[in-house]
Amino acid sequence: MPAPLRSPEDTEIGFAPETIAPRLARSAAHFLSYGGMMTAYLISLALAGLVAIVLWETLS
């Protein structure tokens, strides 16, 4: 069986688990540390949306 065709500029850069894991661990820790702040933001956004709907319905 012949070898697969490859471009001459192939640099053999792969994504080994040890090179990806630290970045994922950092992003997960970042997400969890700001979880409470994000929840408060989403709740306030939902309340603002409800107020906008009530105002829209009362003015129309």
C-alpha atoms as a PDB file:
ATOM      1  CA  MET A   1       0.000   0.000   0.000  1.00  0.00           C
ATOM      2  CA  PRO A   2       1.520   3.367  -0.957  1.00  0.00           C
ATOM      3  CA  ALA A   3       2.117   6.066   1.622  1.00  0.00           C
ATOM      4  CA  PRO A   4      -0.505   8.818   1.793  1.00  0.00           C
ATOM      5  CA  LEU A   5       0.179  11.932  -0.236  1.00  0.00           C
ATOM      6  CA  ARG A   6       1.563  14.831   1.767  1.00  0.00           C
ATOM      7  CA  SER A   7       2.420  18.390   0.960  1.00  0.00           C
ATOM      8  CA  PRO A   8       6.126  19.284   0.994  1.00  0.00           C
ATOM      9  CA  GLU A   9       5.419  22.035   3.525  1.00  0.00           C
ATOM     10  CA  ASP A  10       4.001  19.626   6.100  1.00  0.00           C
ATOM     11  CA  THR A  11       5.591  20.521   9.445  1.00  0.00           C
ATOM     12  CA  GLU A  12       4.256  17.601  11.505  1.00  0.00           C
ATOM     13  CA  ILE A  13       2.662  19.831  14.132  1.00  0.00           C
ATOM     14  CA  GLY A  14       0.283  17.671  16.094  1.00  0.00           C
ATOM     15  CA  PHE A  15      -2.050  18.144  18.985  1.00  0.00           C
ATOM     16  CA  ALA A  16      -0.783  15.851  21.692  1.00  0.00           C
ATOM     17  CA  PRO A  17      -2.885  15.632  24.870  1.00  0.00           C
ATOM     18  CA  GLU A  18      -0.080  17.049  26.987  1.00  0.00           C
ATOM     19  CA  THR A  19       0.001  20.211  24.882  1.00  0.00           C
ATOM     20  CA  ILE A  20      -3.769  20.713  24.996  1.00  0.00           C
ATOM     21  CA  ALA A  21      -4.514  19.800  28.624  1.00  0.00           C
ATOM     22  CA  PRO A  22      -2.999  22.873  30.351  1.00  0.00           C
ATOM     23  CA  ARG A  23      -4.989  25.242  28.150  1.00  0.00           C
ATOM     24  CA  LEU A  24      -8.244  23.378  28.858  1.00  0.00           C
ATOM     25  CA  ALA A  25      -7.544  23.215  32.574  1.00  0.00           C
ATOM     26  CA  ARG A  26      -6.902  26.952  32.650  1.00  0.00           C
ATOM     27  CA  SER A  27     -10.093  27.776  30.793  1.00  0.00           C
ATOM     28  CA  ALA A  28     -12.182  25.488  33.009  1.00  0.00           C
ATOM     29  CA  ALA A  29     -10.750  27.117  36.141  1.00  0.00           C
ATOM     30  CA  HIS A  30     -11.406  30.536  34.645  1.00  0.00           C
ATOM     31  CA  PHE A  31     -15.015  29.605  33.874  1.00  0.00           C
ATOM     32  CA  LEU A  32     -15.647  28.190  37.332  1.00  0.00           C
ATOM     33  CA  SER A  33     -14.119  31.168  39.128  1.00  0.00           C
ATOM     34  CA  TYR A  34     -16.443  33.574  37.321  1.00  0.00           C
ATOM     35  CA  GLY A  35     -19.507  31.339  37.526  1.00  0.00           C
ATOM     36  CA  GLY A  36     -21.279  33.404  40.179  1.00  0.00           C
ATOM     37  CA  MET A  37     -20.667  36.639  38.328  1.00  0.00           C
ATOM     38  CA  MET A  38     -21.960  35.127  35.087  1.00  0.00           C
ATOM     39  CA  THR A  39     -25.096  33.856  36.841  1.00  0.00           C
ATOM     40  CA  ALA A  40     -25.820  37.319  38.236  1.00  0.00           C
ATOM     41  CA  TYR A  41     -25.303  38.827  34.784  1.00  0.00           C
ATOM     42  CA  LEU A  42     -27.676  36.348  33.137  1.00  0.00           C
ATOM     43  CA  ILE A  43     -30.355  36.884  35.785  1.00  0.00           C
ATOM     44  CA  SER A  44     -30.148  40.661  35.402  1.00  0.00           C
ATOM     45  CA  LEU A  45     -30.296  40.295  31.623  1.00  0.00           C
ATOM     46  CA  ALA A  46     -33.427  38.145  31.908  1.00  0.00           C
ATOM     47  CA  LEU A  47     -35.055  40.655  34.260  1.00  0.00           C
ATOM     48  CA  ALA A  48     -34.229  43.520  31.896  1.00  0.00           C
ATOM     49  CA  GLY A  49     -35.830  41.539  29.081  1.00  0.00           C
ATOM     50  CA  LEU A  50     -38.979  40.985  31.118  1.00  0.00           C
ATOM     51  CA  VAL A  51     -39.183  44.690  31.956  1.00  0.00           C
ATOM     52  CA  ALA A  52     -38.775  45.536  28.271  1.00  0.00           C
ATOM     53  CA  ILE A  53     -41.598  43.133  27.350  1.00  0.00           C
ATOM     54  CA  VAL A  54     -43.910  44.592  30.013  1.00  0.00           C
ATOM     55  CA  LEU A  55     -43.175  48.146  28.839  1.00  0.00           C
ATOM     56  CA  TRP A  56     -43.708  47.161  25.215  1.00  0.00           C
ATOM     57  CA  GLU A  57     -47.057  45.548  26.006  1.00  0.00           C
ATOM     58  CA  THR A  58     -48.312  48.447  28.135  1.00  0.00           C
ATOM     59  CA  LEU A  59     -47.340  51.112  25.591  1.00  0.00           C
ATOM     60  CA  SER A  60     -48.821  49.345  22.588  1.00  0.00           C
END
